[in-house]
Amino acid sequence: MSTSETGSSPSLLEIVMRALEATGRIPTTQPETGFPDAFTADRVTDFYVEELNGGWVSTVRFRDIPDGLPNALGSPDIMPYREPRDAFLHGAGILCEIVTGSRALPFTMVRAPG
């Protein structure tokens, strides 16, 4: 069920993936990345930002990862960002690299006035 059918807001994963799709950046095959081969677009299950250790961190979660590898990639928990926006940008870059082979974001971030 999509978020439009449930009336809920899209997840961060849905926002980034929709932007990649809208800009035609999702390749038909898994691109080469700087990550282990198990970290592929078809294994991504979630992307979120959370408050931790006095700041903000991002996490990209995966399913079916072989033993010995973590099931998530993200910003370091011991070095959180001061702002959730910065943690989001870090995680979105990781997600974009997993999906497209590049950390380039499919959108521009601007600060709201005030």
PDB file of N, CA and C in Angstrom:
ATOM      1  N   MET A   1       0.845  -1.166   0.000  1.00  0.00           N
ATOM      2  CA  MET A   1       0.000   0.000   0.000  1.00  0.00           C
ATOM      3  C   MET A   1       0.900   1.243   0.000  1.00  0.00           C
ATOM      4  N   SER A   2       0.626   2.181  -0.881  1.00  0.00           N
ATOM      5  CA  SER A   2       1.443   3.389  -0.957  1.00  0.00           C
ATOM      6  C   SER A   2       1.024   4.390   0.102  1.00  0.00           C
ATOM      7  N   THR A   3       1.881   5.383   0.313  1.00  0.00           N
ATOM      8  CA  THR A   3       1.563   6.398   1.315  1.00  0.00           C
ATOM      9  C   THR A   3       0.363   7.229   0.890  1.00  0.00           C
ATOM     10  N   SER A   4       0.125   7.360  -0.411  1.00  0.00           N
ATOM     11  CA  SER A   4      -1.045   8.124  -0.852  1.00  0.00           C
ATOM     12  C   SER A   4      -2.336   7.374  -0.523  1.00  0.00           C
ATOM     13  N   GLU A   5      -2.271   6.046  -0.488  1.00  0.00           N
ATOM     14  CA  GLU A   5      -3.454   5.257  -0.144  1.00  0.00           C
ATOM     15  C   GLU A   5      -3.723   5.258   1.353  1.00  0.00           C
ATOM     16  N   THR A   6      -2.685   5.386   2.160  1.00  0.00           N
ATOM     17  CA  THR A   6      -2.860   5.355   3.605  1.00  0.00           C
ATOM     18  C   THR A   6      -3.012   6.749   4.206  1.00  0.00           C
ATOM     19  N   GLY A   7      -2.644   7.775   3.453  1.00  0.00           N
ATOM     20  CA  GLY A   7      -2.728   9.135   3.947  1.00  0.00           C
ATOM     21  C   GLY A   7      -1.553   9.531   4.816  1.00  0.00           C
ATOM     22  N   SER A   8      -0.565   8.644   4.957  1.00  0.00           N
ATOM     23  CA  SER A   8       0.597   8.961   5.780  1.00  0.00           C
ATOM     24  C   SER A   8       1.668   9.640   4.928  1.00  0.00           C
ATOM     25  N   SER A   9       2.615  10.260   5.607  1.00  0.00           N
ATOM     26  CA  SER A   9       3.722  10.909   4.914  1.00  0.00           C
ATOM     27  C   SER A   9       4.678   9.855   4.384  1.00  0.00           C
ATOM     28  N   PRO A  10       5.340  10.144   3.255  1.00  0.00           N
ATOM     29  CA  PRO A  10       6.319   9.181   2.738  1.00  0.00           C
ATOM     30  C   PRO A  10       7.523   9.095   3.662  1.00  0.00           C
ATOM     31  N   SER A  11       8.145   7.940   3.706  1.00  0.00           N
ATOM     32  CA  SER A  11       9.361   7.751   4.501  1.00  0.00           C
ATOM     33  C   SER A  11      10.527   8.439   3.803  1.00  0.00           C
ATOM     34  N   LEU A  12      11.629   8.614   4.511  1.00  0.00           N
ATOM     35  CA  LEU A  12      12.818   9.193   3.895  1.00  0.00           C
ATOM     36  C   LEU A  12      13.303   8.320   2.739  1.00  0.00           C
ATOM     37  N   LEU A  13      13.201   7.006   2.891  1.00  0.00           N
ATOM     38  CA  LEU A  13      13.585   6.100   1.808  1.00  0.00           C
ATOM     39  C   LEU A  13      12.727   6.366   0.573  1.00  0.00           C
ATOM     40  N   GLU A  14      11.414   6.488   0.760  1.00  0.00           N
ATOM     41  CA  GLU A  14      10.521   6.753  -0.372  1.00  0.00           C
ATOM     42  C   GLU A  14      10.825   8.102  -1.019  1.00  0.00           C
ATOM     43  N   ILE A  15      11.117   9.112  -0.223  1.00  0.00           N
ATOM     44  CA  ILE A  15      11.407  10.442  -0.772  1.00  0.00           C
ATOM     45  C   ILE A  15      12.636  10.388  -1.671  1.00  0.00           C
ATOM     46  N   VAL A  16      13.712   9.798  -1.177  1.00  0.00           N
ATOM     47  CA  VAL A  16      14.946   9.743  -1.971  1.00  0.00           C
ATOM     48  C   VAL A  16      14.750   8.869  -3.206  1.00  0.00           C
ATOM     49  N   MET A  17      14.121   7.719  -3.050  1.00  0.00           N
ATOM     50  CA  MET A  17      13.925   6.826  -4.198  1.00  0.00           C
ATOM     51  C   MET A  17      13.018   7.459  -5.254  1.00  0.00           C
ATOM     52  N   ARG A  18      11.976   8.149  -4.837  1.00  0.00           N
ATOM     53  CA  ARG A  18      11.095   8.839  -5.796  1.00  0.00           C
ATOM     54  C   ARG A  18      11.854   9.924  -6.546  1.00  0.00           C
ATOM     55  N   ALA A  19      12.722  10.654  -5.839  1.00  0.00           N
ATOM     56  CA  ALA A  19      13.514  11.693  -6.492  1.00  0.00           C
ATOM     57  C   ALA A  19      14.497  11.088  -7.489  1.00  0.00           C
ATOM     58  N   LEU A  20      15.129   9.974  -7.126  1.00  0.00           N
ATOM     59  CA  LEU A  20      16.025   9.295  -8.061  1.00  0.00           C
ATOM     60  C   LEU A  20      15.264   8.820  -9.293  1.00  0.00           C
ATOM     61  N   GLU A  21      14.083   8.275  -9.079  1.00  0.00           N
ATOM     62  CA  GLU A  21      13.267   7.811 -10.200  1.00  0.00           C
ATOM     63  C   GLU A  21      12.825   8.976 -11.076  1.00  0.00           C
ATOM     64  N   ALA A  22      12.379  10.057 -10.456  1.00  0.00           N
ATOM     65  CA  ALA A  22      11.888  11.217 -11.210  1.00  0.00           C
ATOM     66  C   ALA A  22      12.989  11.858 -12.056  1.00  0.00           C
ATOM     67  N   THR A  23      14.227  11.758 -11.615  1.00  0.00           N
ATOM     68  CA  THR A  23      15.343  12.335 -12.358  1.00  0.00           C
ATOM     69  C   THR A  23      16.019  11.324 -13.277  1.00  0.00           C
ATOM     70  N   GLY A  24      15.456  10.127 -13.380  1.00  0.00           N
ATOM     71  CA  GLY A  24      15.983   9.112 -14.288  1.00  0.00           C
ATOM     72  C   GLY A  24      17.347   8.577 -13.898  1.00  0.00           C
ATOM     73  N   ARG A  25      17.620   8.543 -12.606  1.00  0.00           N
ATOM     74  CA  ARG A  25      18.956   8.154 -12.136  1.00  0.00           C
ATOM     75  C   ARG A  25      19.062   6.716 -11.669  1.00  0.00           C
ATOM     76  N   ILE A  26      17.995   5.942 -11.704  1.00  0.00           N
ATOM     77  CA  ILE A  26      18.069   4.555 -11.248  1.00  0.00           C
ATOM     78  C   ILE A  26      18.466   3.668 -12.429  1.00  0.00           C
ATOM     79  N   PRO A  27      19.658   3.066 -12.362  1.00  0.00           N
ATOM     80  CA  PRO A  27      20.108   2.217 -13.465  1.00  0.00           C
ATOM     81  C   PRO A  27      19.376   0.873 -13.473  1.00  0.00           C
ATOM     82  N   THR A  28      19.475   0.181 -14.586  1.00  0.00           N
ATOM     83  CA  THR A  28      18.813  -1.122 -14.703  1.00  0.00           C
ATOM     84  C   THR A  28      19.606  -2.237 -14.037  1.00  0.00           C
ATOM     85  N   THR A  29      20.904  -2.023 -13.835  1.00  0.00           N
ATOM     86  CA  THR A  29      21.737  -3.011 -13.144  1.00  0.00           C
ATOM     87  C   THR A  29      22.433  -2.341 -11.958  1.00  0.00           C
ATOM     88  N   GLN A  30      22.842  -3.141 -11.001  1.00  0.00           N
ATOM     89  CA  GLN A  30      23.515  -2.618  -9.818  1.00  0.00           C
ATOM     90  C   GLN A  30      24.860  -2.016 -10.214  1.00  0.00           C
ATOM     91  N   PRO A  31      25.081  -0.736  -9.920  1.00  0.00           N
ATOM     92  CA  PRO A  31      26.364  -0.111 -10.274  1.00  0.00           C
ATOM     93  C   PRO A  31      27.482  -0.529  -9.325  1.00  0.00           C
ATOM     94  N   GLU A  32      28.708  -0.292  -9.742  1.00  0.00           N
ATOM     95  CA  GLU A  32      29.870  -0.481  -8.873  1.00  0.00           C
ATOM     96  C   GLU A  32      29.838   0.605  -7.811  1.00  0.00           C
ATOM     97  N   THR A  33      30.124   0.227  -6.579  1.00  0.00           N
ATOM     98  CA  THR A  33      30.183   1.192  -5.486  1.00  0.00           C
ATOM     99  C   THR A  33      31.441   0.921  -4.667  1.00  0.00           C
ATOM    100  N   GLY A  34      31.680   1.749  -3.687  1.00  0.00           N
ATOM    101  CA  GLY A  34      32.800   1.532  -2.796  1.00  0.00           C
ATOM    102  C   GLY A  34      32.452   0.635  -1.622  1.00  0.00           C
ATOM    103  N   PHE A  35      31.281   0.015  -1.651  1.00  0.00           N
ATOM    104  CA  PHE A  35      30.807  -0.827  -0.559  1.00  0.00           C
ATOM    105  C   PHE A  35      30.944  -2.311  -0.920  1.00  0.00           C
ATOM    106  N   PRO A  36      30.936  -3.189   0.095  1.00  0.00           N
ATOM    107  CA  PRO A  36      30.948  -4.631  -0.201  1.00  0.00           C
ATOM    108  C   PRO A  36      29.785  -5.011  -1.128  1.00  0.00           C
ATOM    109  N   ASP A  37      29.980  -6.061  -1.911  1.00  0.00           N
ATOM    110  CA  ASP A  37      28.993  -6.480  -2.914  1.00  0.00           C
ATOM    111  C   ASP A  37      27.609  -6.771  -2.346  1.00  0.00           C
ATOM    112  N   ALA A  38      27.513  -7.092  -1.063  1.00  0.00           N
ATOM    113  CA  ALA A  38      26.216  -7.423  -0.467  1.00  0.00           C
ATOM    114  C   ALA A  38      25.311  -6.203  -0.315  1.00  0.00           C
ATOM    115  N   PHE A  39      25.883  -5.005  -0.320  1.00  0.00           N
ATOM    116  CA  PHE A  39      25.087  -3.793  -0.140  1.00  0.00           C
ATOM    117  C   PHE A  39      24.569  -3.316  -1.492  1.00  0.00           C
ATOM    118  N   THR A  40      23.407  -3.843  -1.863  1.00  0.00           N
ATOM    119  CA  THR A  40      22.803  -3.534  -3.153  1.00  0.00           C
ATOM    120  C   THR A  40      21.451  -2.861  -2.975  1.00  0.00           C
ATOM    121  N   ALA A  41      21.008  -2.187  -4.018  1.00  0.00           N
ATOM    122  CA  ALA A  41      19.745  -1.444  -3.969  1.00  0.00           C
ATOM    123  C   ALA A  41      18.555  -2.345  -3.652  1.00  0.00           C
ATOM    124  N   ASP A  42      18.569  -3.564  -4.164  1.00  0.00           N
ATOM    125  CA  ASP A  42      17.431  -4.457  -3.931  1.00  0.00           C
ATOM    126  C   ASP A  42      17.369  -4.990  -2.499  1.00  0.00           C
ATOM    127  N   ARG A  43      18.404  -4.746  -1.716  1.00  0.00           N
ATOM    128  CA  ARG A  43      18.410  -5.197  -0.317  1.00  0.00           C
ATOM    129  C   ARG A  43      18.112  -4.065   0.679  1.00  0.00           C
ATOM    130  N   VAL A  44      17.971  -2.837   0.196  1.00  0.00           N
ATOM    131  CA  VAL A  44      17.681  -1.712   1.092  1.00  0.00           C
ATOM    132  C   VAL A  44      16.257  -1.852   1.623  1.00  0.00           C
ATOM    133  N   THR A  45      16.114  -1.755   2.946  1.00  0.00           N
ATOM    134  CA  THR A  45      14.788  -1.867   3.560  1.00  0.00           C
ATOM    135  C   THR A  45      14.328  -0.584   4.234  1.00  0.00           C
ATOM    136  N   ASP A  46      15.268   0.294   4.598  1.00  0.00           N
ATOM    137  CA  ASP A  46      14.870   1.506   5.316  1.00  0.00           C
ATOM    138  C   ASP A  46      15.993   2.527   5.289  1.00  0.00           C
ATOM    139  N   PHE A  47      15.620   3.775   5.434  1.00  0.00           N
ATOM    140  CA  PHE A  47      16.549   4.885   5.605  1.00  0.00           C
ATOM    141  C   PHE A  47      15.895   5.839   6.583  1.00  0.00           C
ATOM    142  N   TYR A  48      16.609   6.154   7.661  1.00  0.00           N
ATOM    143  CA  TYR A  48      16.023   7.045   8.663  1.00  0.00           C
ATOM    144  C   TYR A  48      17.095   7.849   9.372  1.00  0.00           C
ATOM    145  N   VAL A  49      16.649   8.895  10.037  1.00  0.00           N
ATOM    146  CA  VAL A  49      17.487   9.769  10.847  1.00  0.00           C
ATOM    147  C   VAL A  49      16.924   9.715  12.254  1.00  0.00           C
ATOM    148  N   GLU A  50      17.812   9.625  13.241  1.00  0.00           N
ATOM    149  CA  GLU A  50      17.351   9.590  14.631  1.00  0.00           C
ATOM    150  C   GLU A  50      18.286  10.386  15.527  1.00  0.00           C
ATOM    151  N   GLU A  51      17.730  10.832  16.637  1.00  0.00           N
ATOM    152  CA  GLU A  51      18.504  11.561  17.635  1.00  0.00           C
ATOM    153  C   GLU A  51      19.275  10.547  18.480  1.00  0.00           C
ATOM    154  N   LEU A  52      20.579  10.800  18.645  1.00  0.00           N
ATOM    155  CA  LEU A  52      21.424   9.857  19.378  1.00  0.00           C
ATOM    156  C   LEU A  52      22.671  10.576  19.889  1.00  0.00           C
ATOM    157  N   ASN A  53      23.054  10.299  21.118  1.00  0.00           N
ATOM    158  CA  ASN A  53      24.296  10.831  21.697  1.00  0.00           C
ATOM    159  C   ASN A  53      24.410  12.353  21.583  1.00  0.00           C
ATOM    160  N   GLY A  54      23.300  13.042  21.797  1.00  0.00           N
ATOM    161  CA  GLY A  54      23.316  14.500  21.784  1.00  0.00           C
ATOM    162  C   GLY A  54      23.304  15.122  20.406  1.00  0.00           C
ATOM    163  N   GLY A  55      23.032  14.334  19.377  1.00  0.00           N
ATOM    164  CA  GLY A  55      22.992  14.856  18.010  1.00  0.00           C
ATOM    165  C   GLY A  55      22.118  13.972  17.142  1.00  0.00           C
ATOM    166  N   TRP A  56      22.429  13.939  15.854  1.00  0.00           N
ATOM    167  CA  TRP A  56      21.610  13.216  14.880  1.00  0.00           C
ATOM    168  C   TRP A  56      22.470  12.307  14.017  1.00  0.00           C
ATOM    169  N   VAL A  57      21.976  11.101  13.769  1.00  0.00           N
ATOM    170  CA  VAL A  57      22.672  10.134  12.922  1.00  0.00           C
ATOM    171  C   VAL A  57      21.704   9.598  11.870  1.00  0.00           C
ATOM    172  N   SER A  58      22.278   9.082  10.796  1.00  0.00           N
ATOM    173  CA  SER A  58      21.466   8.476   9.737  1.00  0.00           C
ATOM    174  C   SER A  58      21.811   7.003   9.621  1.00  0.00           C
ATOM    175  N   THR A  59      20.834   6.222   9.160  1.00  0.00           N
ATOM    176  CA  THR A  59      21.031   4.781   8.986  1.00  0.00           C
ATOM    177  C   THR A  59      20.319   4.315   7.724  1.00  0.00           C
ATOM    178  N   VAL A  60      21.018   3.532   6.914  1.00  0.00           N
ATOM    179  CA  VAL A  60      20.426   2.828   5.770  1.00  0.00           C
ATOM    180  C   VAL A  60      20.481   1.353   6.144  1.00  0.00           C
ATOM    181  N   ARG A  61      19.333   0.689   6.219  1.00  0.00           N
ATOM    182  CA  ARG A  61      19.249  -0.725   6.619  1.00  0.00           C
ATOM    183  C   ARG A  61      19.086  -1.626   5.394  1.00  0.00           C
ATOM    184  N   PHE A  62      19.610  -2.867   5.554  1.00  0.00           N
ATOM    185  CA  PHE A  62      19.575  -3.862   4.485  1.00  0.00           C
ATOM    186  C   PHE A  62      19.038  -5.187   5.017  1.00  0.00           C
ATOM    187  N   ARG A  63      18.535  -6.014   4.117  1.00  0.00           N
ATOM    188  CA  ARG A  63      18.090  -7.370   4.467  1.00  0.00           C
ATOM    189  C   ARG A  63      19.022  -8.370   3.779  1.00  0.00           C
ATOM    190  N   ASP A  64      19.004  -9.592   4.290  1.00  0.00           N
ATOM    191  CA  ASP A  64      19.750 -10.706   3.687  1.00  0.00           C
ATOM    192  C   ASP A  64      21.242 -10.414   3.520  1.00  0.00           C
ATOM    193  N   ILE A  65      21.852  -9.838   4.542  1.00  0.00           N
ATOM    194  CA  ILE A  65      23.288  -9.558   4.499  1.00  0.00           C
ATOM    195  C   ILE A  65      24.027 -10.771   5.065  1.00  0.00           C
ATOM    196  N   PRO A  66      25.096 -11.204   4.409  1.00  0.00           N
ATOM    197  CA  PRO A  66      25.847 -12.376   4.893  1.00  0.00           C
ATOM    198  C   PRO A  66      26.426 -12.153   6.291  1.00  0.00           C
ATOM    199  N   ASP A  67      26.593 -13.243   7.005  1.00  0.00           N
ATOM    200  CA  ASP A  67      27.227 -13.187   8.326  1.00  0.00           C
ATOM    201  C   ASP A  67      28.579 -12.495   8.220  1.00  0.00           C
ATOM    202  N   GLY A  68      28.891 -11.727   9.241  1.00  0.00           N
ATOM    203  CA  GLY A  68      30.166 -11.033   9.293  1.00  0.00           C
ATOM    204  C   GLY A  68      30.107  -9.596   8.794  1.00  0.00           C
ATOM    205  N   LEU A  69      29.014  -9.223   8.117  1.00  0.00           N
ATOM    206  CA  LEU A  69      28.835  -7.850   7.661  1.00  0.00           C
ATOM    207  C   LEU A  69      27.708  -7.207   8.459  1.00  0.00           C
ATOM    208  N   PRO A  70      27.790  -5.908   8.705  1.00  0.00           N
ATOM    209  CA  PRO A  70      26.681  -5.238   9.394  1.00  0.00           C
ATOM    210  C   PRO A  70      25.469  -5.172   8.473  1.00  0.00           C
ATOM    211  N   ASN A  71      24.285  -5.036   9.056  1.00  0.00           N
ATOM    212  CA  ASN A  71      23.074  -4.935   8.228  1.00  0.00           C
ATOM    213  C   ASN A  71      22.654  -3.486   8.023  1.00  0.00           C
ATOM    214  N   ALA A  72      23.567  -2.545   8.318  1.00  0.00           N
ATOM    215  CA  ALA A  72      23.262  -1.131   8.165  1.00  0.00           C
ATOM    216  C   ALA A  72      24.531  -0.343   7.871  1.00  0.00           C
ATOM    217  N   LEU A  73      24.353   0.769   7.168  1.00  0.00           N
ATOM    218  CA  LEU A  73      25.413   1.744   6.914  1.00  0.00           C
ATOM    219  C   LEU A  73      24.861   3.098   7.318  1.00  0.00           C
ATOM    220  N   GLY A  74      25.726   3.985   7.778  1.00  0.00           N
ATOM    221  CA  GLY A  74      25.242   5.313   8.134  1.00  0.00           C
ATOM    222  C   GLY A  74      26.336   6.164   8.733  1.00  0.00           C
ATOM    223  N   SER A  75      25.903   7.254   9.332  1.00  0.00           N
ATOM    224  CA  SER A  75      26.861   8.139   9.981  1.00  0.00           C
ATOM    225  C   SER A  75      27.289   7.527  11.311  1.00  0.00           C
ATOM    226  N   PRO A  76      28.511   7.807  11.762  1.00  0.00           N
ATOM    227  CA  PRO A  76      29.004   7.203  12.998  1.00  0.00           C
ATOM    228  C   PRO A  76      28.209   7.646  14.227  1.00  0.00           C
ATOM    229  N   ASP A  77      27.765   6.686  15.029  1.00  0.00           N
ATOM    230  CA  ASP A  77      27.004   6.987  16.246  1.00  0.00           C
ATOM    231  C   ASP A  77      27.810   7.826  17.232  1.00  0.00           C
ATOM    232  N   ILE A  78      29.129   7.651  17.248  1.00  0.00           N
ATOM    233  CA  ILE A  78      29.947   8.383  18.226  1.00  0.00           C
ATOM    234  C   ILE A  78      30.262   9.811  17.767  1.00  0.00           C
ATOM    235  N   MET A  79      29.911  10.145  16.520  1.00  0.00           N
ATOM    236  CA  MET A  79      30.143  11.491  16.001  1.00  0.00           C
ATOM    237  C   MET A  79      28.867  12.018  15.341  1.00  0.00           C
ATOM    238  N   PRO A  80      27.810  12.207  16.132  1.00  0.00           N
ATOM    239  CA  PRO A  80      26.541  12.649  15.539  1.00  0.00           C
ATOM    240  C   PRO A  80      26.629  14.078  14.996  1.00  0.00           C
ATOM    241  N   TYR A  81      25.770  14.360  14.055  1.00  0.00           N
ATOM    242  CA  TYR A  81      25.651  15.714  13.508  1.00  0.00           C
ATOM    243  C   TYR A  81      24.820  16.575  14.452  1.00  0.00           C
ATOM    244  N   ARG A  82      25.078  17.866  14.444  1.00  0.00           N
ATOM    245  CA  ARG A  82      24.288  18.773  15.298  1.00  0.00           C
ATOM    246  C   ARG A  82      22.871  18.953  14.774  1.00  0.00           C
ATOM    247  N   GLU A  83      22.710  18.906  13.478  1.00  0.00           N
ATOM    248  CA  GLU A  83      21.408  19.149  12.859  1.00  0.00           C
ATOM    249  C   GLU A  83      20.913  17.885  12.145  1.00  0.00           C
ATOM    250  N   PRO A  84      19.604  17.605  12.236  1.00  0.00           N
ATOM    251  CA  PRO A  84      19.070  16.441  11.518  1.00  0.00           C
ATOM    252  C   PRO A  84      19.253  16.547  10.004  1.00  0.00           C
ATOM    253  N   ARG A  85      19.250  17.763   9.480  1.00  0.00           N
ATOM    254  CA  ARG A  85      19.440  17.977   8.041  1.00  0.00           C
ATOM    255  C   ARG A  85      20.779  17.402   7.598  1.00  0.00           C
ATOM    256  N   ASP A  86      21.836  17.644   8.377  1.00  0.00           N
ATOM    257  CA  ASP A  86      23.161  17.153   8.007  1.00  0.00           C
ATOM    258  C   ASP A  86      23.235  15.625   8.056  1.00  0.00           C
ATOM    259  N   ALA A  87      22.591  15.029   9.050  1.00  0.00           N
ATOM    260  CA  ALA A  87      22.538  13.567   9.124  1.00  0.00           C
ATOM    261  C   ALA A  87      21.763  13.014   7.923  1.00  0.00           C
ATOM    262  N   PHE A  88      20.660  13.673   7.556  1.00  0.00           N
ATOM    263  CA  PHE A  88      19.890  13.261   6.390  1.00  0.00           C
ATOM    264  C   PHE A  88      20.749  13.299   5.129  1.00  0.00           C
ATOM    265  N   LEU A  89      21.475  14.388   4.927  1.00  0.00           N
ATOM    266  CA  LEU A  89      22.303  14.513   3.730  1.00  0.00           C
ATOM    267  C   LEU A  89      23.378  13.431   3.669  1.00  0.00           C
ATOM    268  N   HIS A  90      23.961  13.101   4.823  1.00  0.00           N
ATOM    269  CA  HIS A  90      24.962  12.033   4.873  1.00  0.00           C
ATOM    270  C   HIS A  90      24.332  10.697   4.443  1.00  0.00           C
ATOM    271  N   GLY A  91      23.218  10.348   5.065  1.00  0.00           N
ATOM    272  CA  GLY A  91      22.556   9.083   4.742  1.00  0.00           C
ATOM    273  C   GLY A  91      22.021   9.040   3.326  1.00  0.00           C
ATOM    274  N   ALA A  92      21.479  10.156   2.853  1.00  0.00           N
ATOM    275  CA  ALA A  92      20.968  10.209   1.480  1.00  0.00           C
ATOM    276  C   ALA A  92      22.100   9.999   0.480  1.00  0.00           C
ATOM    277  N   GLY A  93      23.281  10.516   0.790  1.00  0.00           N
ATOM    278  CA  GLY A  93      24.436  10.295  -0.078  1.00  0.00           C
ATOM    279  C   GLY A  93      24.823   8.828  -0.145  1.00  0.00           C
ATOM    280  N   ILE A  94      24.795   8.159   0.998  1.00  0.00           N
ATOM    281  CA  ILE A  94      25.076   6.716   1.028  1.00  0.00           C
ATOM    282  C   ILE A  94      24.034   5.967   0.202  1.00  0.00           C
ATOM    283  N   LEU A  95      22.765   6.280   0.414  1.00  0.00           N
ATOM    284  CA  LEU A  95      21.684   5.622  -0.327  1.00  0.00           C
ATOM    285  C   LEU A  95      21.841   5.862  -1.827  1.00  0.00           C
ATOM    286  N   CYS A  96      22.148   7.086  -2.219  1.00  0.00           N
ATOM    287  CA  CYS A  96      22.328   7.383  -3.642  1.00  0.00           C
ATOM    288  C   CYS A  96      23.490   6.587  -4.232  1.00  0.00           C
ATOM    289  N   GLU A  97      24.582   6.454  -3.467  1.00  0.00           N
ATOM    290  CA  GLU A  97      25.714   5.679  -3.976  1.00  0.00           C
ATOM    291  C   GLU A  97      25.338   4.207  -4.149  1.00  0.00           C
ATOM    292  N   ILE A  98      24.608   3.657  -3.198  1.00  0.00           N
ATOM    293  CA  ILE A  98      24.180   2.253  -3.303  1.00  0.00           C
ATOM    294  C   ILE A  98      23.310   2.060  -4.548  1.00  0.00           C
ATOM    295  N   VAL A  99      22.405   2.992  -4.789  1.00  0.00           N
ATOM    296  CA  VAL A  99      21.439   2.839  -5.889  1.00  0.00           C
ATOM    297  C   VAL A  99      22.030   3.229  -7.236  1.00  0.00           C
ATOM    298  N   THR A 100      22.821   4.314  -7.290  1.00  0.00           N
ATOM    299  CA  THR A 100      23.264   4.854  -8.580  1.00  0.00           C
ATOM    300  C   THR A 100      24.755   4.744  -8.853  1.00  0.00           C
ATOM    301  N   GLY A 101      25.553   4.493  -7.805  1.00  0.00           N
ATOM    302  CA  GLY A 101      27.005   4.489  -7.965  1.00  0.00           C
ATOM    303  C   GLY A 101      27.620   5.853  -7.720  1.00  0.00           C
ATOM    304  N   SER A 102      26.791   6.847  -7.391  1.00  0.00           N
ATOM    305  CA  SER A 102      27.263   8.209  -7.142  1.00  0.00           C
ATOM    306  C   SER A 102      26.571   8.771  -5.905  1.00  0.00           C
ATOM    307  N   ARG A 103      27.297   9.557  -5.127  1.00  0.00           N
ATOM    308  CA  ARG A 103      26.692  10.193  -3.952  1.00  0.00           C
ATOM    309  C   ARG A 103      25.923  11.458  -4.301  1.00  0.00           C
ATOM    310  N   ALA A 104      25.892  11.841  -5.564  1.00  0.00           N
ATOM    311  CA  ALA A 104      25.164  13.041  -5.980  1.00  0.00           C
ATOM    312  C   ALA A 104      23.682  12.882  -5.658  1.00  0.00           C
ATOM    313  N   LEU A 105      23.130  13.893  -5.003  1.00  0.00           N
ATOM    314  CA  LEU A 105      21.719  13.856  -4.623  1.00  0.00           C
ATOM    315  C   LEU A 105      20.837  14.235  -5.804  1.00  0.00           C
ATOM    316  N   PRO A 106      19.613  13.702  -5.854  1.00  0.00           N
ATOM    317  CA  PRO A 106      18.703  14.011  -6.956  1.00  0.00           C
ATOM    318  C   PRO A 106      17.838  15.249  -6.688  1.00  0.00           C
ATOM    319  N   PHE A 107      18.258  16.069  -5.732  1.00  0.00           N
ATOM    320  CA  PHE A 107      17.505  17.278  -5.381  1.00  0.00           C
ATOM    321  C   PHE A 107      18.467  18.277  -4.772  1.00  0.00           C
ATOM    322  N   THR A 108      17.995  19.484  -4.612  1.00  0.00           N
ATOM    323  CA  THR A 108      18.786  20.552  -4.009  1.00  0.00           C
ATOM    324  C   THR A 108      18.179  20.870  -2.643  1.00  0.00           C
ATOM    325  N   MET A 109      19.043  21.019  -1.665  1.00  0.00           N
ATOM    326  CA  MET A 109      18.584  21.369  -0.330  1.00  0.00           C
ATOM    327  C   MET A 109      18.740  22.869  -0.136  1.00  0.00           C
ATOM    328  N   VAL A 110      17.707  23.511   0.384  1.00  0.00           N
ATOM    329  CA  VAL A 110      17.783  24.931   0.721  1.00  0.00           C
ATOM    330  C   VAL A 110      17.305  25.105   2.151  1.00  0.00           C
ATOM    331  N   ARG A 111      17.858  26.073   2.814  1.00  0.00           N
ATOM    332  CA  ARG A 111      17.437  26.375   4.186  1.00  0.00           C
ATOM    333  C   ARG A 111      16.201  27.252   4.146  1.00  0.00           C
ATOM    334  N   ALA A 112      15.244  26.943   5.003  1.00  0.00           N
ATOM    335  CA  ALA A 112      14.052  27.768   5.112  1.00  0.00           C
ATOM    336  C   ALA A 112      14.423  29.108   5.747  1.00  0.00           C
ATOM    337  N   PRO A 113      13.794  30.181   5.312  1.00  0.00           N
ATOM    338  CA  PRO A 113      14.096  31.470   5.931  1.00  0.00           C
ATOM    339  C   PRO A 113      13.721  31.481   7.410  1.00  0.00           C
ATOM    340  N   GLY A 114      14.479  32.254   8.163  1.00  0.00           N
ATOM    341  CA  GLY A 114      14.145  32.405   9.569  1.00  0.00           C
ATOM    342  C   GLY A 114      15.056  31.752  10.428  1.00  0.00           C
TER     343      GLY A 114
END
